[in-house]
């Protein structure tokens, strides 16, 4: 190829948001039907009329694809919330909890939680793509609260806010066999999380 020969156009690999959403919906539908172990990239490719090469290029493998699908279906991400107060931020997260979606996906989340114990690659993907971004978003909320003077930087409970928030979703289902709906989460934040931080509700 000479210097004057035009270079071939770069191959586009980026999927549109609509196409990604379609693939994510399909992935979760298949997991609900057959479970994580029986999910295959072949099945996803067939149902979405995509090539396996595209799926692997975009997500590397099944664990990353499933974790990305779960993250895509979160109604709100902690990093996107900034109301100006810590209580407002936490209540905004609670307000976006989708009760119908949580009830529908409770079995899915339990199944994936079980599968993550059997598959370290899935556990890693869930941590990297789902858990760690949410923890980082909560940490940013707390730093803003410290900067505003709402919260003392040396408050011991700061290190456990993510544990409390994640725990609220899991514990209610285990103890009461009910999803953590927005009303429950708001009451939990005012009764447990904010007092532990020394912040008035």
C-alpha atoms as a PDB file:
ATOM      1  CA  UNK A   1       0.000   0.000   0.000  1.00  0.00           C
ATOM      2  CA  UNK A   2       1.522   3.355  -1.022  1.00  0.00           C
ATOM      3  CA  UNK A   3       1.349   6.575   0.962  1.00  0.00           C
ATOM      4  CA  UNK A   4      -1.327   7.861  -1.436  1.00  0.00           C
ATOM      5  CA  UNK A   5      -3.544   4.794  -1.093  1.00  0.00           C
ATOM      6  CA  UNK A   6      -6.493   5.505   1.170  1.00  0.00           C
ATOM      7  CA  UNK A   7      -6.587   3.357   4.286  1.00  0.00           C
ATOM      8  CA  UNK A   8      -9.531   1.015   4.731  1.00  0.00           C
ATOM      9  CA  UNK A   9     -12.266   2.473   6.901  1.00  0.00           C
ATOM     10  CA  UNK A  10     -12.028   1.368  10.520  1.00  0.00           C
ATOM     11  CA  UNK A  11     -14.520  -1.334  11.361  1.00  0.00           C
ATOM     12  CA  UNK A  12     -17.278  -0.052  13.622  1.00  0.00           C
ATOM     13  CA  UNK A  13     -17.708  -2.184  16.699  1.00  0.00           C
ATOM     14  CA  UNK A  14     -19.762   0.129  18.897  1.00  0.00           C
ATOM     15  CA  UNK A  15     -23.360  -0.956  19.335  1.00  0.00           C
ATOM     16  CA  UNK A  16     -26.144   1.588  19.580  1.00  0.00           C
ATOM     17  CA  UNK A  17     -27.777   2.026  22.998  1.00  0.00           C
ATOM     18  CA  UNK A  18     -30.960   0.499  21.600  1.00  0.00           C
ATOM     19  CA  UNK A  19     -29.095  -2.560  20.356  1.00  0.00           C
ATOM     20  CA  UNK A  20     -27.282  -2.954  23.672  1.00  0.00           C
ATOM     21  CA  UNK A  21     -30.596  -2.719  25.543  1.00  0.00           C
ATOM     22  CA  UNK A  22     -32.077  -5.414  23.305  1.00  0.00           C
ATOM     23  CA  UNK A  23     -29.164  -7.731  24.035  1.00  0.00           C
ATOM     24  CA  UNK A  24     -29.326  -7.038  27.771  1.00  0.00           C
ATOM     25  CA  UNK A  25     -33.060  -7.804  27.840  1.00  0.00           C
ATOM     26  CA  UNK A  26     -32.421 -11.070  26.034  1.00  0.00           C
ATOM     27  CA  UNK A  27     -29.590 -12.078  28.355  1.00  0.00           C
ATOM     28  CA  UNK A  28     -31.706 -11.636  31.478  1.00  0.00           C
ATOM     29  CA  UNK A  29     -34.666 -13.383  29.849  1.00  0.00           C
ATOM     30  CA  UNK A  30     -32.508 -16.414  29.060  1.00  0.00           C
ATOM     31  CA  UNK A  31     -31.029 -16.477  32.565  1.00  0.00           C
ATOM     32  CA  UNK A  32     -34.548 -16.438  34.027  1.00  0.00           C
ATOM     33  CA  UNK A  33     -35.522 -19.328  31.759  1.00  0.00           C
ATOM     34  CA  UNK A  34     -32.546 -21.645  32.074  1.00  0.00           C
ATOM     35  CA  UNK A  35     -30.224 -20.258  34.756  1.00  0.00           C
ATOM     36  CA  UNK A  36     -26.685 -18.928  34.532  1.00  0.00           C
ATOM     37  CA  UNK A  37     -24.984 -22.260  33.992  1.00  0.00           C
ATOM     38  CA  UNK A  38     -27.112 -23.107  30.956  1.00  0.00           C
ATOM     39  CA  UNK A  39     -26.805 -19.638  29.425  1.00  0.00           C
ATOM     40  CA  UNK A  40     -24.542 -19.675  26.381  1.00  0.00           C
ATOM     41  CA  UNK A  41     -23.216 -16.984  24.116  1.00  0.00           C
ATOM     42  CA  UNK A  42     -24.583 -19.071  21.239  1.00  0.00           C
ATOM     43  CA  UNK A  43     -28.112 -18.749  22.639  1.00  0.00           C
ATOM     44  CA  UNK A  44     -27.760 -14.988  23.064  1.00  0.00           C
ATOM     45  CA  UNK A  45     -26.330 -14.621  19.556  1.00  0.00           C
ATOM     46  CA  UNK A  46     -29.167 -16.655  18.068  1.00  0.00           C
ATOM     47  CA  UNK A  47     -31.934 -14.805  19.853  1.00  0.00           C
ATOM     48  CA  UNK A  48     -30.528 -11.363  19.140  1.00  0.00           C
ATOM     49  CA  UNK A  49     -29.369 -12.140  15.580  1.00  0.00           C
ATOM     50  CA  UNK A  50     -25.881 -11.039  16.555  1.00  0.00           C
ATOM     51  CA  UNK A  51     -22.587 -12.750  15.853  1.00  0.00           C
ATOM     52  CA  UNK A  52     -20.680 -14.346  18.704  1.00  0.00           C
ATOM     53  CA  UNK A  53     -17.675 -12.332  17.599  1.00  0.00           C
ATOM     54  CA  UNK A  54     -19.603  -9.115  18.259  1.00  0.00           C
ATOM     55  CA  UNK A  55     -20.665 -10.308  21.701  1.00  0.00           C
ATOM     56  CA  UNK A  56     -17.154 -11.329  22.708  1.00  0.00           C
ATOM     57  CA  UNK A  57     -15.655  -8.154  21.279  1.00  0.00           C
ATOM     58  CA  UNK A  58     -18.092  -5.996  23.243  1.00  0.00           C
ATOM     59  CA  UNK A  59     -18.216  -7.909  26.554  1.00  0.00           C
ATOM     60  CA  UNK A  60     -15.308 -10.400  26.564  1.00  0.00           C
ATOM     61  CA  UNK A  61     -17.434 -13.245  27.872  1.00  0.00           C
ATOM     62  CA  UNK A  62     -20.572 -14.484  29.588  1.00  0.00           C
ATOM     63  CA  UNK A  63     -19.783 -13.133  33.086  1.00  0.00           C
ATOM     64  CA  UNK A  64     -19.204  -9.598  31.825  1.00  0.00           C
ATOM     65  CA  UNK A  65     -22.310  -9.725  29.642  1.00  0.00           C
ATOM     66  CA  UNK A  66     -24.555 -10.834  32.520  1.00  0.00           C
ATOM     67  CA  UNK A  67     -23.102  -8.304  34.968  1.00  0.00           C
ATOM     68  CA  UNK A  68     -23.476  -5.514  32.393  1.00  0.00           C
ATOM     69  CA  UNK A  69     -27.089  -6.524  31.780  1.00  0.00           C
ATOM     70  CA  UNK A  70     -27.863  -6.290  35.492  1.00  0.00           C
ATOM     71  CA  UNK A  71     -26.189  -2.881  35.734  1.00  0.00           C
ATOM     72  CA  UNK A  72     -28.107  -1.647  32.692  1.00  0.00           C
ATOM     73  CA  UNK A  73     -31.392  -2.530  34.391  1.00  0.00           C
ATOM     74  CA  UNK A  74     -30.670  -0.585  37.581  1.00  0.00           C
ATOM     75  CA  UNK A  75     -33.275   2.219  37.764  1.00  0.00           C
ATOM     76  CA  UNK A  76     -30.723   4.761  39.031  1.00  0.00           C
ATOM     77  CA  UNK A  77     -26.997   4.735  39.729  1.00  0.00           C
ATOM     78  CA  UNK A  78     -25.568   6.264  42.866  1.00  0.00           C
ATOM     79  CA  UNK A  79     -22.998   8.217  40.828  1.00  0.00           C
ATOM     80  CA  UNK A  80     -25.831  10.035  39.009  1.00  0.00           C
ATOM     81  CA  UNK A  81     -27.512  11.330  42.197  1.00  0.00           C
ATOM     82  CA  UNK A  82     -26.626  14.739  43.686  1.00  0.00           C
ATOM     83  CA  UNK A  83     -29.511  16.526  45.411  1.00  0.00           C
ATOM     84  CA  UNK A  84     -27.421  18.833  47.601  1.00  0.00           C
ATOM     85  CA  UNK A  85     -27.890  16.927  50.879  1.00  0.00           C
ATOM     86  CA  UNK A  86     -26.884  13.487  52.051  1.00  0.00           C
ATOM     87  CA  UNK A  87     -30.401  12.618  53.152  1.00  0.00           C
ATOM     88  CA  UNK A  88     -31.745  13.811  49.802  1.00  0.00           C
ATOM     89  CA  UNK A  89     -29.209  11.679  47.935  1.00  0.00           C
ATOM     90  CA  UNK A  90     -30.017   8.525  49.891  1.00  0.00           C
ATOM     91  CA  UNK A  91     -33.770   9.077  49.637  1.00  0.00           C
ATOM     92  CA  UNK A  92     -33.417   9.645  45.891  1.00  0.00           C
ATOM     93  CA  UNK A  93     -31.827   6.214  45.596  1.00  0.00           C
ATOM     94  CA  UNK A  94     -34.681   4.746  47.635  1.00  0.00           C
ATOM     95  CA  UNK A  95     -37.343   6.505  45.570  1.00  0.00           C
ATOM     96  CA  UNK A  96     -36.082   4.888  42.381  1.00  0.00           C
ATOM     97  CA  UNK A  97     -36.301   1.354  43.727  1.00  0.00           C
ATOM     98  CA  UNK A  98     -38.629  -0.421  41.323  1.00  0.00           C
ATOM     99  CA  UNK A  99     -40.825  -2.679  43.464  1.00  0.00           C
ATOM    100  CA  UNK A 100     -42.351  -4.538  40.529  1.00  0.00           C
ATOM    101  CA  UNK A 101     -38.958  -5.048  38.970  1.00  0.00           C
ATOM    102  CA  UNK A 102     -37.440  -6.154  42.262  1.00  0.00           C
ATOM    103  CA  UNK A 103     -40.193  -8.703  42.799  1.00  0.00           C
ATOM    104  CA  UNK A 104     -39.729 -10.000  39.252  1.00  0.00           C
ATOM    105  CA  UNK A 105     -35.966 -10.181  39.565  1.00  0.00           C
ATOM    106  CA  UNK A 106     -35.689 -11.442  43.156  1.00  0.00           C
ATOM    107  CA  UNK A 107     -35.264 -15.047  41.997  1.00  0.00           C
ATOM    108  CA  UNK A 108     -32.855 -13.933  39.281  1.00  0.00           C
ATOM    109  CA  UNK A 109     -30.639 -12.100  41.760  1.00  0.00           C
ATOM    110  CA  UNK A 110     -30.695 -15.030  44.187  1.00  0.00           C
ATOM    111  CA  UNK A 111     -29.788 -17.440  41.392  1.00  0.00           C
ATOM    112  CA  UNK A 112     -26.902 -15.268  40.229  1.00  0.00           C
ATOM    113  CA  UNK A 113     -25.738 -14.840  43.805  1.00  0.00           C
ATOM    114  CA  UNK A 114     -25.608 -18.623  44.131  1.00  0.00           C
ATOM    115  CA  UNK A 115     -23.894 -18.985  40.750  1.00  0.00           C
ATOM    116  CA  UNK A 116     -21.250 -16.442  41.750  1.00  0.00           C
ATOM    117  CA  UNK A 117     -20.088 -18.827  44.491  1.00  0.00           C
ATOM    118  CA  UNK A 118     -19.567 -21.527  41.882  1.00  0.00           C
ATOM    119  CA  UNK A 119     -18.003 -19.276  39.237  1.00  0.00           C
ATOM    120  CA  UNK A 120     -15.215 -16.925  40.385  1.00  0.00           C
ATOM    121  CA  UNK A 121     -15.243 -15.185  36.993  1.00  0.00           C
ATOM    122  CA  UNK A 122     -18.908 -14.237  37.483  1.00  0.00           C
ATOM    123  CA  UNK A 123     -18.218 -13.054  41.033  1.00  0.00           C
ATOM    124  CA  UNK A 124     -15.370 -10.886  39.752  1.00  0.00           C
ATOM    125  CA  UNK A 125     -17.506  -9.421  36.964  1.00  0.00           C
ATOM    126  CA  UNK A 126     -20.368  -8.629  39.360  1.00  0.00           C
ATOM    127  CA  UNK A 127     -17.964  -6.888  41.724  1.00  0.00           C
ATOM    128  CA  UNK A 128     -16.197  -4.901  38.994  1.00  0.00           C
ATOM    129  CA  UNK A 129     -19.222  -3.907  36.904  1.00  0.00           C
ATOM    130  CA  UNK A 130     -22.053  -3.780  39.445  1.00  0.00           C
ATOM    131  CA  UNK A 131     -20.884  -3.508  43.048  1.00  0.00           C
ATOM    132  CA  UNK A 132     -17.746  -1.375  42.852  1.00  0.00           C
ATOM    133  CA  UNK A 133     -19.319   1.450  40.773  1.00  0.00           C
ATOM    134  CA  UNK A 134     -22.187   1.700  43.289  1.00  0.00           C
ATOM    135  CA  UNK A 135     -19.782   1.741  46.235  1.00  0.00           C
ATOM    136  CA  UNK A 136     -17.771   4.474  44.503  1.00  0.00           C
ATOM    137  CA  UNK A 137     -20.961   6.492  43.976  1.00  0.00           C
ATOM    138  CA  UNK A 138     -21.900   6.173  47.656  1.00  0.00           C
ATOM    139  CA  UNK A 139     -18.373   7.192  48.657  1.00  0.00           C
ATOM    140  CA  UNK A 140     -18.714  10.326  46.509  1.00  0.00           C
ATOM    141  CA  UNK A 141     -22.026  11.163  48.244  1.00  0.00           C
ATOM    142  CA  UNK A 142     -20.343  10.875  51.629  1.00  0.00           C
ATOM    143  CA  UNK A 143     -17.369  13.007  50.573  1.00  0.00           C
ATOM    144  CA  UNK A 144     -19.757  15.724  49.410  1.00  0.00           C
ATOM    145  CA  UNK A 145     -21.564  15.547  52.752  1.00  0.00           C
ATOM    146  CA  UNK A 146     -18.248  15.960  54.588  1.00  0.00           C
ATOM    147  CA  UNK A 147     -17.302  18.908  52.360  1.00  0.00           C
ATOM    148  CA  UNK A 148     -20.676  20.578  53.094  1.00  0.00           C
ATOM    149  CA  UNK A 149     -20.210  20.103  56.834  1.00  0.00           C
ATOM    150  CA  UNK A 150     -23.158  17.717  57.182  1.00  0.00           C
ATOM    151  CA  UNK A 151     -20.980  14.849  58.256  1.00  0.00           C
ATOM    152  CA  UNK A 152     -17.810  14.604  60.336  1.00  0.00           C
ATOM    153  CA  UNK A 153     -14.965  13.053  58.386  1.00  0.00           C
ATOM    154  CA  UNK A 154     -14.050  10.761  61.292  1.00  0.00           C
ATOM    155  CA  UNK A 155     -17.560   9.308  61.731  1.00  0.00           C
ATOM    156  CA  UNK A 156     -16.981   5.556  62.249  1.00  0.00           C
ATOM    157  CA  UNK A 157     -20.136   4.517  60.352  1.00  0.00           C
ATOM    158  CA  UNK A 158     -18.907   6.116  57.108  1.00  0.00           C
ATOM    159  CA  UNK A 159     -17.029   2.936  56.277  1.00  0.00           C
ATOM    160  CA  UNK A 160     -20.225   0.880  56.563  1.00  0.00           C
ATOM    161  CA  UNK A 161     -22.783   2.868  54.583  1.00  0.00           C
ATOM    162  CA  UNK A 162     -22.428   0.661  51.507  1.00  0.00           C
ATOM    163  CA  UNK A 163     -22.845  -2.415  53.707  1.00  0.00           C
ATOM    164  CA  UNK A 164     -25.992  -0.948  55.255  1.00  0.00           C
ATOM    165  CA  UNK A 165     -27.530   0.041  51.942  1.00  0.00           C
ATOM    166  CA  UNK A 166     -26.783  -3.246  50.191  1.00  0.00           C
ATOM    167  CA  UNK A 167     -27.852  -5.109  53.316  1.00  0.00           C
ATOM    168  CA  UNK A 168     -31.261  -3.437  53.319  1.00  0.00           C
ATOM    169  CA  UNK A 169     -32.109  -4.960  49.957  1.00  0.00           C
ATOM    170  CA  UNK A 170     -31.006  -8.439  50.979  1.00  0.00           C
ATOM    171  CA  UNK A 171     -32.192  -8.553  54.601  1.00  0.00           C
ATOM    172  CA  UNK A 172     -35.830  -7.663  54.054  1.00  0.00           C
ATOM    173  CA  UNK A 173     -36.241 -10.388  51.474  1.00  0.00           C
ATOM    174  CA  UNK A 174     -34.639 -12.916  53.827  1.00  0.00           C
ATOM    175  CA  UNK A 175     -36.441 -11.846  57.006  1.00  0.00           C
ATOM    176  CA  UNK A 176     -39.864 -10.769  55.721  1.00  0.00           C
ATOM    177  CA  UNK A 177     -39.978 -12.450  52.308  1.00  0.00           C
ATOM    178  CA  UNK A 178     -40.799  -9.058  50.805  1.00  0.00           C
ATOM    179  CA  UNK A 179     -38.769  -6.796  48.512  1.00  0.00           C
ATOM    180  CA  UNK A 180     -37.194  -3.614  49.840  1.00  0.00           C
ATOM    181  CA  UNK A 181     -39.681  -1.132  48.361  1.00  0.00           C
ATOM    182  CA  UNK A 182     -39.166   2.667  48.362  1.00  0.00           C
ATOM    183  CA  UNK A 183     -41.265   3.202  51.509  1.00  0.00           C
ATOM    184  CA  UNK A 184     -39.282   0.626  53.461  1.00  0.00           C
ATOM    185  CA  UNK A 185     -35.938   1.979  52.224  1.00  0.00           C
ATOM    186  CA  UNK A 186     -36.859   5.566  53.126  1.00  0.00           C
ATOM    187  CA  UNK A 187     -37.856   4.503  56.643  1.00  0.00           C
ATOM    188  CA  UNK A 188     -34.662   2.440  56.945  1.00  0.00           C
ATOM    189  CA  UNK A 189     -32.508   5.390  55.903  1.00  0.00           C
ATOM    190  CA  UNK A 190     -34.129   7.710  58.465  1.00  0.00           C
ATOM    191  CA  UNK A 191     -34.203   5.145  61.279  1.00  0.00           C
ATOM    192  CA  UNK A 192     -30.878   3.389  60.798  1.00  0.00           C
ATOM    193  CA  UNK A 193     -28.433   4.889  58.279  1.00  0.00           C
ATOM    194  CA  UNK A 194     -28.624   8.582  59.146  1.00  0.00           C
ATOM    195  CA  UNK A 195     -28.586   8.084  62.954  1.00  0.00           C
ATOM    196  CA  UNK A 196     -25.530   5.844  62.589  1.00  0.00           C
ATOM    197  CA  UNK A 197     -23.842   8.726  60.757  1.00  0.00           C
ATOM    198  CA  UNK A 198     -24.985  11.300  63.305  1.00  0.00           C
ATOM    199  CA  UNK A 199     -27.072  13.115  60.683  1.00  0.00           C
ATOM    200  CA  UNK A 200     -30.528  14.422  61.559  1.00  0.00           C
ATOM    201  CA  UNK A 201     -33.386  13.098  59.453  1.00  0.00           C
END
